[in-house]
Amino acid sequence: MCLRTGDSGRDATGLYAVQRLIGDAYVGPYVAFEPALATVLDDGAGAEGYVIGALDTRAFERRCEREWWPVLRRRYPLRSARAGSRDERLVALIHQPPRAADHVVQEHPSHLHVDLLPRWQGGGWGRRLLEHLFDQLAEAGSPGVHLGVGRANERAVGFYERLGFTVLDDSSPDALILGRRLP
């Protein structure tokens, strides 16, 4: 799923030599460490979308550094991917994962990722998945949630803005960090 939406919402299957790499980096730790905050949209024939989240970004980052990244660093050593490839960029991220900015997590300590296959986009399913996660995070005491989105993914940016997200950080040339207060 992550691979099939990994190119600004489009299929990234042909862009990665190691097909599981993107899921290992962006989905695996959430399912392993925060399974109660993972919801899958399944049409009976298989997964069509999901939302995953972390209640406390800083605690999640620390746990990934202790328990998740070391395993992936052994699986994907530096310089194991073709130079200049998307695989190389993800391997570099695994070896030096970014930390959320302090000003972002101060009022938006939770974060999320959501992916829906194209045929499920535009029908309200993304909104329903996110609202379910918002309720879970609010019930657990989180005052706000943030996410990263590629600047090129204008459709997704518009979707998040319609859900009440605003720009928290636009310092990256490639991505925006958006946030939303929770009830």
C-alpha atoms as a PDB file:
ATOM      1  CA  MET A   1       0.000   0.000   0.000  1.00  0.00           C
ATOM      2  CA  CYS A   2       2.696   2.475   0.995  1.00  0.00           C
ATOM      3  CA  LEU A   3       4.588   1.562  -2.186  1.00  0.00           C
ATOM      4  CA  ARG A   4       1.467   1.845  -4.347  1.00  0.00           C
ATOM      5  CA  THR A   5       0.926   5.440  -3.165  1.00  0.00           C
ATOM      6  CA  GLY A   6       4.575   6.355  -2.527  1.00  0.00           C
ATOM      7  CA  ASP A   7       5.041   8.800  -5.415  1.00  0.00           C
ATOM      8  CA  SER A   8       2.967  11.767  -4.208  1.00  0.00           C
ATOM      9  CA  GLY A   9      -0.114   9.551  -4.125  1.00  0.00           C
ATOM     10  CA  ARG A  10       0.775   7.625  -7.284  1.00  0.00           C
ATOM     11  CA  ASP A  11       2.211   4.132  -7.669  1.00  0.00           C
ATOM     12  CA  ALA A  12       5.930   4.055  -6.840  1.00  0.00           C
ATOM     13  CA  THR A  13       6.435   0.352  -7.595  1.00  0.00           C
ATOM     14  CA  GLY A  14       8.824   1.008 -10.470  1.00  0.00           C
ATOM     15  CA  LEU A  15      10.760   3.624  -8.526  1.00  0.00           C
ATOM     16  CA  TYR A  16      12.199   1.335  -5.836  1.00  0.00           C
ATOM     17  CA  ALA A  17      14.512  -1.611  -6.427  1.00  0.00           C
ATOM     18  CA  VAL A  18      13.747  -3.009  -2.962  1.00  0.00           C
ATOM     19  CA  GLN A  19       9.951  -3.142  -2.862  1.00  0.00           C
ATOM     20  CA  ARG A  20       9.592  -3.479   0.919  1.00  0.00           C
ATOM     21  CA  LEU A  21      11.982  -0.649   1.789  1.00  0.00           C
ATOM     22  CA  ILE A  22       9.397   2.150   1.845  1.00  0.00           C
ATOM     23  CA  GLY A  23       7.008   0.135   4.017  1.00  0.00           C
ATOM     24  CA  ASP A  24       9.804  -0.889   6.374  1.00  0.00           C
ATOM     25  CA  ALA A  25      10.676   2.774   6.879  1.00  0.00           C
ATOM     26  CA  TYR A  26       7.256   4.431   6.918  1.00  0.00           C
ATOM     27  CA  VAL A  27       4.739   1.827   8.115  1.00  0.00           C
ATOM     28  CA  GLY A  28       6.484  -0.926  10.060  1.00  0.00           C
ATOM     29  CA  PRO A  29       7.301   0.899  13.294  1.00  0.00           C
ATOM     30  CA  TYR A  30       3.737   2.163  13.695  1.00  0.00           C
ATOM     31  CA  VAL A  31       2.238  -1.284  13.333  1.00  0.00           C
ATOM     32  CA  ALA A  32       4.872  -2.716  15.688  1.00  0.00           C
ATOM     33  CA  PHE A  33       4.804  -0.014  18.378  1.00  0.00           C
ATOM     34  CA  GLU A  34       1.344   1.605  18.173  1.00  0.00           C
ATOM     35  CA  PRO A  35      -0.982  -1.061  16.730  1.00  0.00           C
ATOM     36  CA  ALA A  36      -4.040   0.419  18.457  1.00  0.00           C
ATOM     37  CA  LEU A  37      -3.536   3.547  16.331  1.00  0.00           C
ATOM     38  CA  ALA A  38      -3.461   1.608  13.044  1.00  0.00           C
ATOM     39  CA  THR A  39      -6.697   1.202  11.091  1.00  0.00           C
ATOM     40  CA  VAL A  40      -6.949  -0.588   7.748  1.00  0.00           C
ATOM     41  CA  LEU A  41      -9.594  -0.031   5.086  1.00  0.00           C
ATOM     42  CA  ASP A  42     -10.330  -3.492   3.684  1.00  0.00           C
ATOM     43  CA  ASP A  43     -12.842  -4.154   0.917  1.00  0.00           C
ATOM     44  CA  GLY A  44     -12.936  -7.893   1.602  1.00  0.00           C
ATOM     45  CA  ALA A  45     -10.336  -8.611  -1.057  1.00  0.00           C
ATOM     46  CA  GLY A  46      -7.467  -6.894   0.742  1.00  0.00           C
ATOM     47  CA  ALA A  47      -6.189  -3.643   2.163  1.00  0.00           C
ATOM     48  CA  GLU A  48      -7.174  -0.542   0.214  1.00  0.00           C
ATOM     49  CA  GLY A  49      -5.961   2.078   2.663  1.00  0.00           C
ATOM     50  CA  TYR A  50      -4.799   2.754   6.190  1.00  0.00           C
ATOM     51  CA  VAL A  51      -4.124   5.381   8.787  1.00  0.00           C
ATOM     52  CA  ILE A  52      -1.314   4.960  11.311  1.00  0.00           C
ATOM     53  CA  GLY A  53      -0.234   7.241  14.092  1.00  0.00           C
ATOM     54  CA  ALA A  54       1.917   7.837  17.118  1.00  0.00           C
ATOM     55  CA  LEU A  55       0.508   9.443  20.251  1.00  0.00           C
ATOM     56  CA  ASP A  56       3.809  10.954  21.447  1.00  0.00           C
ATOM     57  CA  THR A  57       6.219  11.754  18.615  1.00  0.00           C
ATOM     58  CA  ARG A  58       9.253  12.181  20.881  1.00  0.00           C
ATOM     59  CA  ALA A  59       8.665   8.839  22.651  1.00  0.00           C
ATOM     60  CA  PHE A  60       8.086   7.192  19.257  1.00  0.00           C
ATOM     61  CA  GLU A  61      11.336   8.645  17.876  1.00  0.00           C
ATOM     62  CA  ARG A  62      13.281   7.362  20.902  1.00  0.00           C
ATOM     63  CA  ARG A  63      11.747   3.897  20.628  1.00  0.00           C
ATOM     64  CA  CYS A  64      12.488   3.705  16.908  1.00  0.00           C
ATOM     65  CA  GLU A  65      16.095   4.661  17.621  1.00  0.00           C
ATOM     66  CA  ARG A  66      16.393   1.895  20.222  1.00  0.00           C
ATOM     67  CA  GLU A  67      14.375  -0.880  18.592  1.00  0.00           C
ATOM     68  CA  TRP A  68      13.496  -0.237  14.933  1.00  0.00           C
ATOM     69  CA  TRP A  69      16.275   1.608  13.127  1.00  0.00           C
ATOM     70  CA  PRO A  70      19.123  -0.690  14.300  1.00  0.00           C
ATOM     71  CA  VAL A  71      17.430  -3.698  12.667  1.00  0.00           C
ATOM     72  CA  LEU A  72      16.868  -1.794   9.424  1.00  0.00           C
ATOM     73  CA  ARG A  73      20.418  -0.417   9.450  1.00  0.00           C
ATOM     74  CA  ARG A  74      21.705  -3.983   9.433  1.00  0.00           C
ATOM     75  CA  ARG A  75      19.226  -4.966   6.710  1.00  0.00           C
ATOM     76  CA  TYR A  76      19.999  -1.885   4.586  1.00  0.00           C
ATOM     77  CA  PRO A  77      23.634  -0.821   5.074  1.00  0.00           C
ATOM     78  CA  LEU A  78      24.765   2.575   3.838  1.00  0.00           C
ATOM     79  CA  ARG A  79      25.877   2.439   0.210  1.00  0.00           C
ATOM     80  CA  SER A  80      23.773  -0.700  -0.329  1.00  0.00           C
ATOM     81  CA  ALA A  81      21.515   1.072  -2.829  1.00  0.00           C
ATOM     82  CA  ARG A  82      22.296   2.493  -6.256  1.00  0.00           C
ATOM     83  CA  ALA A  83      23.686   6.037  -6.013  1.00  0.00           C
ATOM     84  CA  GLY A  84      21.066   8.699  -6.664  1.00  0.00           C
ATOM     85  CA  SER A  85      18.140   6.283  -6.357  1.00  0.00           C
ATOM     86  CA  ARG A  86      15.082   6.598  -4.161  1.00  0.00           C
ATOM     87  CA  ASP A  87      16.328   3.508  -2.346  1.00  0.00           C
ATOM     88  CA  GLU A  88      19.535   5.380  -1.494  1.00  0.00           C
ATOM     89  CA  ARG A  89      17.564   8.320  -0.084  1.00  0.00           C
ATOM     90  CA  LEU A  90      15.471   6.005   2.115  1.00  0.00           C
ATOM     91  CA  VAL A  91      18.527   4.081   3.304  1.00  0.00           C
ATOM     92  CA  ALA A  92      20.108   7.414   4.272  1.00  0.00           C
ATOM     93  CA  LEU A  93      16.917   8.313   6.177  1.00  0.00           C
ATOM     94  CA  ILE A  94      17.089   4.999   8.059  1.00  0.00           C
ATOM     95  CA  HIS A  95      20.671   5.748   9.083  1.00  0.00           C
ATOM     96  CA  GLN A  96      19.927   9.362   9.989  1.00  0.00           C
ATOM     97  CA  PRO A  97      16.193   9.690  10.659  1.00  0.00           C
ATOM     98  CA  PRO A  98      14.812  13.197  10.903  1.00  0.00           C
ATOM     99  CA  ARG A  99      13.407  14.457  14.180  1.00  0.00           C
ATOM    100  CA  ALA A 100      10.249  16.491  14.315  1.00  0.00           C
ATOM    101  CA  ALA A 101      10.951  20.141  15.064  1.00  0.00           C
ATOM    102  CA  ASP A 102      10.425  21.250  18.652  1.00  0.00           C
ATOM    103  CA  HIS A 103       8.011  24.016  17.619  1.00  0.00           C
ATOM    104  CA  VAL A 104       5.887  21.398  15.817  1.00  0.00           C
ATOM    105  CA  VAL A 105       5.584  18.862  18.639  1.00  0.00           C
ATOM    106  CA  GLN A 106       5.035  21.484  21.327  1.00  0.00           C
ATOM    107  CA  GLU A 107       1.336  21.855  20.457  1.00  0.00           C
ATOM    108  CA  HIS A 108       1.005  18.924  18.036  1.00  0.00           C
ATOM    109  CA  PRO A 109       2.765  16.041  19.830  1.00  0.00           C
ATOM    110  CA  SER A 110       1.064  13.259  17.853  1.00  0.00           C
ATOM    111  CA  HIS A 111       1.680  12.470  14.203  1.00  0.00           C
ATOM    112  CA  LEU A 112       0.161  10.318  11.481  1.00  0.00           C
ATOM    113  CA  HIS A 113       0.453   8.817   8.015  1.00  0.00           C
ATOM    114  CA  VAL A 114      -2.517   7.962   5.816  1.00  0.00           C
ATOM    115  CA  ASP A 115      -2.601   6.211   2.453  1.00  0.00           C
ATOM    116  CA  LEU A 116      -5.533   5.241   0.249  1.00  0.00           C
ATOM    117  CA  LEU A 117      -5.396   3.592  -3.130  1.00  0.00           C
ATOM    118  CA  PRO A 118      -6.701   5.950  -5.837  1.00  0.00           C
ATOM    119  CA  ARG A 119     -10.061   4.228  -6.321  1.00  0.00           C
ATOM    120  CA  TRP A 120     -10.867   4.907  -2.635  1.00  0.00           C
ATOM    121  CA  GLN A 121      -9.844   8.559  -2.751  1.00  0.00           C
ATOM    122  CA  GLY A 122     -12.527  11.219  -3.017  1.00  0.00           C
ATOM    123  CA  GLY A 123     -15.301   9.141  -1.454  1.00  0.00           C
ATOM    124  CA  GLY A 124     -14.943  10.231   2.164  1.00  0.00           C
ATOM    125  CA  TRP A 125     -12.902   7.221   3.287  1.00  0.00           C
ATOM    126  CA  GLY A 126      -9.776   9.232   4.056  1.00  0.00           C
ATOM    127  CA  ARG A 127     -11.798  11.664   6.151  1.00  0.00           C
ATOM    128  CA  ARG A 128     -13.437   8.783   8.052  1.00  0.00           C
ATOM    129  CA  LEU A 129     -10.102   7.093   8.746  1.00  0.00           C
ATOM    130  CA  LEU A 130      -8.575  10.352   9.963  1.00  0.00           C
ATOM    131  CA  GLU A 131     -11.565  11.317  12.106  1.00  0.00           C
ATOM    132  CA  HIS A 132     -11.371   7.916  13.781  1.00  0.00           C
ATOM    133  CA  LEU A 133      -7.686   8.504  14.559  1.00  0.00           C
ATOM    134  CA  PHE A 134      -8.384  12.073  15.737  1.00  0.00           C
ATOM    135  CA  ASP A 135     -10.929  10.684  18.207  1.00  0.00           C
ATOM    136  CA  GLN A 136      -8.463   8.070  19.467  1.00  0.00           C
ATOM    137  CA  LEU A 137      -5.692  10.642  19.935  1.00  0.00           C
ATOM    138  CA  ALA A 138      -7.989  13.151  21.655  1.00  0.00           C
ATOM    139  CA  GLU A 139      -9.320  10.461  24.008  1.00  0.00           C
ATOM    140  CA  ALA A 140      -5.707   9.641  24.906  1.00  0.00           C
ATOM    141  CA  GLY A 141      -5.113  13.309  25.777  1.00  0.00           C
ATOM    142  CA  SER A 142      -3.291  14.629  22.718  1.00  0.00           C
ATOM    143  CA  PRO A 143      -3.927  18.318  22.009  1.00  0.00           C
ATOM    144  CA  GLY A 144      -2.816  18.145  18.372  1.00  0.00           C
ATOM    145  CA  VAL A 145      -1.483  16.065  15.500  1.00  0.00           C
ATOM    146  CA  HIS A 146       0.931  16.771  12.655  1.00  0.00           C
ATOM    147  CA  LEU A 147       2.017  15.130   9.415  1.00  0.00           C
ATOM    148  CA  GLY A 148       4.436  15.632   6.564  1.00  0.00           C
ATOM    149  CA  VAL A 149       3.273  15.918   2.972  1.00  0.00           C
ATOM    150  CA  GLY A 150       5.168  16.465  -0.252  1.00  0.00           C
ATOM    151  CA  ARG A 151       4.731  19.943  -1.690  1.00  0.00           C
ATOM    152  CA  ALA A 152       4.128  18.338  -5.093  1.00  0.00           C
ATOM    153  CA  ASN A 153       1.121  16.424  -3.735  1.00  0.00           C
ATOM    154  CA  GLU A 154      -1.256  19.374  -4.131  1.00  0.00           C
ATOM    155  CA  ARG A 155      -4.351  17.193  -3.964  1.00  0.00           C
ATOM    156  CA  ALA A 156      -3.323  15.841  -0.548  1.00  0.00           C
ATOM    157  CA  VAL A 157      -2.403  19.307   0.736  1.00  0.00           C
ATOM    158  CA  GLY A 158      -5.878  20.551  -0.227  1.00  0.00           C
ATOM    159  CA  PHE A 159      -7.497  17.541   1.442  1.00  0.00           C
ATOM    160  CA  TYR A 160      -5.653  18.182   4.703  1.00  0.00           C
ATOM    161  CA  GLU A 161      -6.484  21.885   4.619  1.00  0.00           C
ATOM    162  CA  ARG A 162     -10.194  21.044   4.237  1.00  0.00           C
ATOM    163  CA  LEU A 163      -9.844  18.915   7.396  1.00  0.00           C
ATOM    164  CA  GLY A 164      -8.511  21.896   9.340  1.00  0.00           C
ATOM    165  CA  PHE A 165      -4.763  21.360   8.996  1.00  0.00           C
ATOM    166  CA  THR A 166      -2.557  24.439   8.712  1.00  0.00           C
ATOM    167  CA  VAL A 167       1.103  24.835   7.789  1.00  0.00           C
ATOM    168  CA  LEU A 168       3.370  24.523  10.827  1.00  0.00           C
ATOM    169  CA  ASP A 169       6.689  24.394   8.973  1.00  0.00           C
ATOM    170  CA  ASP A 170       7.473  25.179   5.356  1.00  0.00           C
ATOM    171  CA  SER A 171      11.272  25.306   5.628  1.00  0.00           C
ATOM    172  CA  SER A 172      11.857  22.231   3.436  1.00  0.00           C
ATOM    173  CA  PRO A 173      11.922  22.729  -0.334  1.00  0.00           C
ATOM    174  CA  ASP A 174      10.204  19.351  -0.831  1.00  0.00           C
ATOM    175  CA  ALA A 175       7.717  18.970   2.024  1.00  0.00           C
ATOM    176  CA  LEU A 176       5.323  20.785   4.310  1.00  0.00           C
ATOM    177  CA  ILE A 177       4.579  19.963   7.927  1.00  0.00           C
ATOM    178  CA  LEU A 178       0.888  20.460   8.617  1.00  0.00           C
ATOM    179  CA  GLY A 179      -0.861  20.384  11.970  1.00  0.00           C
ATOM    180  CA  ARG A 180      -4.343  20.303  13.415  1.00  0.00           C
ATOM    181  CA  ARG A 181      -5.569  20.891  16.947  1.00  0.00           C
ATOM    182  CA  LEU A 182      -7.698  18.108  18.400  1.00  0.00           C
ATOM    183  CA  PRO A 183     -10.970  18.666  20.256  1.00  0.00           C
END
